[in-house]
Amino acid sequence: MTGLRERKKRATREALMSAALRLVLERGLDTWPAPTCPTRCPPRRTRSSAAS
């Protein structure tokens, strides 16, 4: 059994990989800048945003 932290880390990695793969398939490897990927990934909460 894995803990919540490990499951969240795995889910984040999988979301990033899926978004990157989708972008590559849509636009090709040489046509998109890497900073585009985070805009396609699900939002994540940080400690500072969770406290507000």
PDB file of N, CA and C in Angstrom:
ATOM      1  N   MET A   1       0.847  -1.179   0.000  1.00  0.00           N
ATOM      2  CA  MET A   1       0.000   0.000   0.000  1.00  0.00           C
ATOM      3  C   MET A   1       0.894   1.245   0.000  1.00  0.00           C
ATOM      4  N   THR A   2       0.571   2.195  -0.866  1.00  0.00           N
ATOM      5  CA  THR A   2       1.348   3.422  -0.927  1.00  0.00           C
ATOM      6  C   THR A   2       0.596   4.542  -0.234  1.00  0.00           C
ATOM      7  N   GLY A   3       1.352   5.511   0.225  1.00  0.00           N
ATOM      8  CA  GLY A   3       0.756   6.643   0.924  1.00  0.00           C
ATOM      9  C   GLY A   3       0.174   7.667  -0.037  1.00  0.00           C
ATOM     10  N   LEU A   4      -0.543   8.598   0.533  1.00  0.00           N
ATOM     11  CA  LEU A   4      -1.185   9.641  -0.253  1.00  0.00           C
ATOM     12  C   LEU A   4      -0.159  10.463  -1.026  1.00  0.00           C
ATOM     13  N   ARG A   5       0.952  10.800  -0.392  1.00  0.00           N
ATOM     14  CA  ARG A   5       1.980  11.609  -1.059  1.00  0.00           C
ATOM     15  C   ARG A   5       2.510  10.908  -2.307  1.00  0.00           C
ATOM     16  N   GLU A   6       2.790   9.620  -2.201  1.00  0.00           N
ATOM     17  CA  GLU A   6       3.294   8.875  -3.355  1.00  0.00           C
ATOM     18  C   GLU A   6       2.263   8.789  -4.468  1.00  0.00           C
ATOM     19  N   ARG A   7       1.001   8.601  -4.100  1.00  0.00           N
ATOM     20  CA  ARG A   7      -0.059   8.543  -5.114  1.00  0.00           C
ATOM     21  C   ARG A   7      -0.211   9.881  -5.827  1.00  0.00           C
ATOM     22  N   LYS A   8      -0.122  10.979  -5.074  1.00  0.00           N
ATOM     23  CA  LYS A   8      -0.225  12.305  -5.691  1.00  0.00           C
ATOM     24  C   LYS A   8       0.956  12.575  -6.614  1.00  0.00           C
ATOM     25  N   LYS A   9       2.154  12.194  -6.193  1.00  0.00           N
ATOM     26  CA  LYS A   9       3.340  12.379  -7.037  1.00  0.00           C
ATOM     27  C   LYS A   9       3.196  11.596  -8.334  1.00  0.00           C
ATOM     28  N   ARG A  10       2.738  10.358  -8.230  1.00  0.00           N
ATOM     29  CA  ARG A  10       2.556   9.526  -9.413  1.00  0.00           C
ATOM     30  C   ARG A  10       1.503  10.129 -10.343  1.00  0.00           C
ATOM     31  N   ALA A  11       0.405  10.612  -9.776  1.00  0.00           N
ATOM     32  CA  ALA A  11      -0.654  11.216 -10.583  1.00  0.00           C
ATOM     33  C   ALA A  11      -0.141  12.468 -11.297  1.00  0.00           C
ATOM     34  N   THR A  12       0.672  13.262 -10.622  1.00  0.00           N
ATOM     35  CA  THR A  12       1.235  14.465 -11.238  1.00  0.00           C
ATOM     36  C   THR A  12       2.162  14.099 -12.377  1.00  0.00           C
ATOM     37  N   ARG A  13       3.041  13.117 -12.155  1.00  0.00           N
ATOM     38  CA  ARG A  13       3.954  12.671 -13.223  1.00  0.00           C
ATOM     39  C   ARG A  13       3.179  12.160 -14.423  1.00  0.00           C
ATOM     40  N   GLU A  14       2.145  11.367 -14.181  1.00  0.00           N
ATOM     41  CA  GLU A  14       1.347  10.824 -15.279  1.00  0.00           C
ATOM     42  C   GLU A  14       0.623  11.933 -16.042  1.00  0.00           C
ATOM     43  N   ALA A  15       0.116  12.944 -15.325  1.00  0.00           N
ATOM     44  CA  ALA A  15      -0.573  14.063 -15.989  1.00  0.00           C
ATOM     45  C   ALA A  15       0.401  14.849 -16.855  1.00  0.00           C
ATOM     46  N   LEU A  16       1.606  15.088 -16.349  1.00  0.00           N
ATOM     47  CA  LEU A  16       2.615  15.804 -17.140  1.00  0.00           C
ATOM     48  C   LEU A  16       3.011  15.018 -18.382  1.00  0.00           C
ATOM     49  N   MET A  17       3.218  13.715 -18.216  1.00  0.00           N
ATOM     50  CA  MET A  17       3.596  12.889 -19.367  1.00  0.00           C
ATOM     51  C   MET A  17       2.477  12.855 -20.401  1.00  0.00           C
ATOM     52  N   SER A  18       1.240  12.740 -19.952  1.00  0.00           N
ATOM     53  CA  SER A  18       0.105  12.704 -20.880  1.00  0.00           C
ATOM     54  C   SER A  18      -0.026  14.015 -21.639  1.00  0.00           C
ATOM     55  N   ALA A  19       0.118  15.136 -20.927  1.00  0.00           N
ATOM     56  CA  ALA A  19       0.010  16.437 -21.575  1.00  0.00           C
ATOM     57  C   ALA A  19       1.126  16.628 -22.595  1.00  0.00           C
ATOM     58  N   ALA A  20       2.339  16.238 -22.234  1.00  0.00           N
ATOM     59  CA  ALA A  20       3.470  16.379 -23.156  1.00  0.00           C
ATOM     60  C   ALA A  20       3.267  15.504 -24.389  1.00  0.00           C
ATOM     61  N   LEU A  21       2.822  14.277 -24.189  1.00  0.00           N
ATOM     62  CA  LEU A  21       2.596  13.382 -25.316  1.00  0.00           C
ATOM     63  C   LEU A  21       1.496  13.913 -26.233  1.00  0.00           C
ATOM     64  N   ARG A  22       0.410  14.435 -25.636  1.00  0.00           N
ATOM     65  CA  ARG A  22      -0.675  15.011 -26.428  1.00  0.00           C
ATOM     66  C   ARG A  22      -0.166  16.166 -27.283  1.00  0.00           C
ATOM     67  N   LEU A  23       0.637  17.045 -26.675  1.00  0.00           N
ATOM     68  CA  LEU A  23       1.163  18.182 -27.421  1.00  0.00           C
ATOM     69  C   LEU A  23       2.073  17.737 -28.559  1.00  0.00           C
ATOM     70  N   VAL A  24       2.904  16.752 -28.310  1.00  0.00           N
ATOM     71  CA  VAL A  24       3.801  16.257 -29.358  1.00  0.00           C
ATOM     72  C   VAL A  24       2.993  15.648 -30.496  1.00  0.00           C
ATOM     73  N   LEU A  25       1.971  14.886 -30.162  1.00  0.00           N
ATOM     74  CA  LEU A  25       1.151  14.269 -31.201  1.00  0.00           C
ATOM     75  C   LEU A  25       0.350  15.312 -31.985  1.00  0.00           C
ATOM     76  N   GLU A  26      -0.100  16.376 -31.303  1.00  0.00           N
ATOM     77  CA  GLU A  26      -0.869  17.425 -31.976  1.00  0.00           C
ATOM     78  C   GLU A  26       0.003  18.310 -32.851  1.00  0.00           C
ATOM     79  N   ARG A  27       1.173  18.681 -32.332  1.00  0.00           N
ATOM     80  CA  ARG A  27       1.976  19.716 -32.982  1.00  0.00           C
ATOM     81  C   ARG A  27       3.316  19.252 -33.521  1.00  0.00           C
ATOM     82  N   GLY A  28       3.738  18.066 -33.165  1.00  0.00           N
ATOM     83  CA  GLY A  28       5.061  17.611 -33.575  1.00  0.00           C
ATOM     84  C   GLY A  28       6.098  17.999 -32.530  1.00  0.00           C
ATOM     85  N   LEU A  29       7.186  17.310 -32.530  1.00  0.00           N
ATOM     86  CA  LEU A  29       8.203  17.490 -31.488  1.00  0.00           C
ATOM     87  C   LEU A  29       8.898  18.847 -31.554  1.00  0.00           C
ATOM     88  N   ASP A  30       9.094  19.388 -32.731  1.00  0.00           N
ATOM     89  CA  ASP A  30       9.870  20.619 -32.865  1.00  0.00           C
ATOM     90  C   ASP A  30       9.033  21.887 -32.919  1.00  0.00           C
ATOM     91  N   THR A  31       7.722  21.788 -32.761  1.00  0.00           N
ATOM     92  CA  THR A  31       6.882  22.967 -32.983  1.00  0.00           C
ATOM     93  C   THR A  31       6.269  23.567 -31.730  1.00  0.00           C
ATOM     94  N   TRP A  32       6.529  23.042 -30.561  1.00  0.00           N
ATOM     95  CA  TRP A  32       5.928  23.623 -29.356  1.00  0.00           C
ATOM     96  C   TRP A  32       6.990  23.860 -28.304  1.00  0.00           C
ATOM     97  N   PRO A  33       6.879  24.993 -27.598  1.00  0.00           N
ATOM     98  CA  PRO A  33       7.831  25.292 -26.531  1.00  0.00           C
ATOM     99  C   PRO A  33       7.478  24.507 -25.269  1.00  0.00           C
ATOM    100  N   ALA A  34       8.457  24.101 -24.537  1.00  0.00           N
ATOM    101  CA  ALA A  34       8.240  23.335 -23.313  1.00  0.00           C
ATOM    102  C   ALA A  34       7.354  24.045 -22.292  1.00  0.00           C
ATOM    103  N   PRO A  35       7.410  25.378 -22.137  1.00  0.00           N
ATOM    104  CA  PRO A  35       6.535  26.023 -21.141  1.00  0.00           C
ATOM    105  C   PRO A  35       5.047  25.884 -21.437  1.00  0.00           C
ATOM    106  N   THR A  36       4.664  25.420 -22.614  1.00  0.00           N
ATOM    107  CA  THR A  36       3.260  25.227 -22.945  1.00  0.00           C
ATOM    108  C   THR A  36       2.666  24.075 -22.133  1.00  0.00           C
ATOM    109  N   CYS A  37       3.451  23.095 -21.805  1.00  0.00           N
ATOM    110  CA  CYS A  37       2.961  21.898 -21.134  1.00  0.00           C
ATOM    111  C   CYS A  37       2.231  22.191 -19.825  1.00  0.00           C
ATOM    112  N   PRO A  38       2.769  23.001 -18.923  1.00  0.00           N
ATOM    113  CA  PRO A  38       2.050  23.224 -17.664  1.00  0.00           C
ATOM    114  C   PRO A  38       0.670  23.838 -17.833  1.00  0.00           C
ATOM    115  N   THR A  39       0.419  24.549 -18.935  1.00  0.00           N
ATOM    116  CA  THR A  39      -0.906  25.129 -19.128  1.00  0.00           C
ATOM    117  C   THR A  39      -1.931  24.067 -19.493  1.00  0.00           C
ATOM    118  N   ARG A  40      -1.490  22.910 -19.942  1.00  0.00           N
ATOM    119  CA  ARG A  40      -2.402  21.831 -20.306  1.00  0.00           C
ATOM    120  C   ARG A  40      -2.597  20.826 -19.176  1.00  0.00           C
ATOM    121  N   CYS A  41      -1.829  20.932 -18.127  1.00  0.00           N
ATOM    122  CA  CYS A  41      -1.896  19.975 -17.021  1.00  0.00           C
ATOM    123  C   CYS A  41      -2.905  20.453 -15.977  1.00  0.00           C
ATOM    124  N   PRO A  42      -3.425  19.524 -15.206  1.00  0.00           N
ATOM    125  CA  PRO A  42      -4.372  19.935 -14.171  1.00  0.00           C
ATOM    126  C   PRO A  42      -3.684  20.815 -13.135  1.00  0.00           C
ATOM    127  N   PRO A  43      -4.409  21.761 -12.550  1.00  0.00           N
ATOM    128  CA  PRO A  43      -3.807  22.634 -11.541  1.00  0.00           C
ATOM    129  C   PRO A  43      -3.427  21.836 -10.307  1.00  0.00           C
ATOM    130  N   ARG A  44      -2.401  22.285  -9.645  1.00  0.00           N
ATOM    131  CA  ARG A  44      -2.010  21.596  -8.423  1.00  0.00           C
ATOM    132  C   ARG A  44      -2.013  22.596  -7.291  1.00  0.00           C
ATOM    133  N   ARG A  45      -2.342  22.133  -6.151  1.00  0.00           N
ATOM    134  CA  ARG A  45      -2.367  23.002  -4.978  1.00  0.00           C
ATOM    135  C   ARG A  45      -1.020  22.948  -4.297  1.00  0.00           C
ATOM    136  N   THR A  46      -0.573  24.096  -3.880  1.00  0.00           N
ATOM    137  CA  THR A  46       0.667  24.176  -3.119  1.00  0.00           C
ATOM    138  C   THR A  46       0.330  24.504  -1.676  1.00  0.00           C
ATOM    139  N   ARG A  47       1.299  24.430  -0.843  1.00  0.00           N
ATOM    140  CA  ARG A  47       1.056  24.741   0.550  1.00  0.00           C
ATOM    141  C   ARG A  47       0.500  26.139   0.731  1.00  0.00           C
ATOM    142  N   SER A  48       1.071  27.101  -0.003  1.00  0.00           N
ATOM    143  CA  SER A  48       0.615  28.482   0.155  1.00  0.00           C
ATOM    144  C   SER A  48      -0.827  28.660  -0.327  1.00  0.00           C
ATOM    145  N   SER A  49      -1.204  27.988  -1.410  1.00  0.00           N
ATOM    146  CA  SER A  49      -2.571  28.148  -1.903  1.00  0.00           C
ATOM    147  C   SER A  49      -3.560  27.353  -1.039  1.00  0.00           C
ATOM    148  N   ALA A  50      -3.105  26.279  -0.433  1.00  0.00           N
ATOM    149  CA  ALA A  50      -3.995  25.490   0.422  1.00  0.00           C
ATOM    150  C   ALA A  50      -4.287  26.230   1.718  1.00  0.00           C
ATOM    151  N   ALA A  51      -3.367  27.084   2.151  1.00  0.00           N
ATOM    152  CA  ALA A  51      -3.546  27.803   3.410  1.00  0.00           C
ATOM    153  C   ALA A  51      -4.494  28.987   3.256  1.00  0.00           C
ATOM    154  N   SER A  52      -4.676  29.465   2.021  1.00  0.00           N
ATOM    155  CA  SER A  52      -5.535  30.643   1.864  1.00  0.00           C
ATOM    156  C   SER A  52      -6.994  30.290   1.722  1.00  0.00           C
TER     157      SER A  52
END
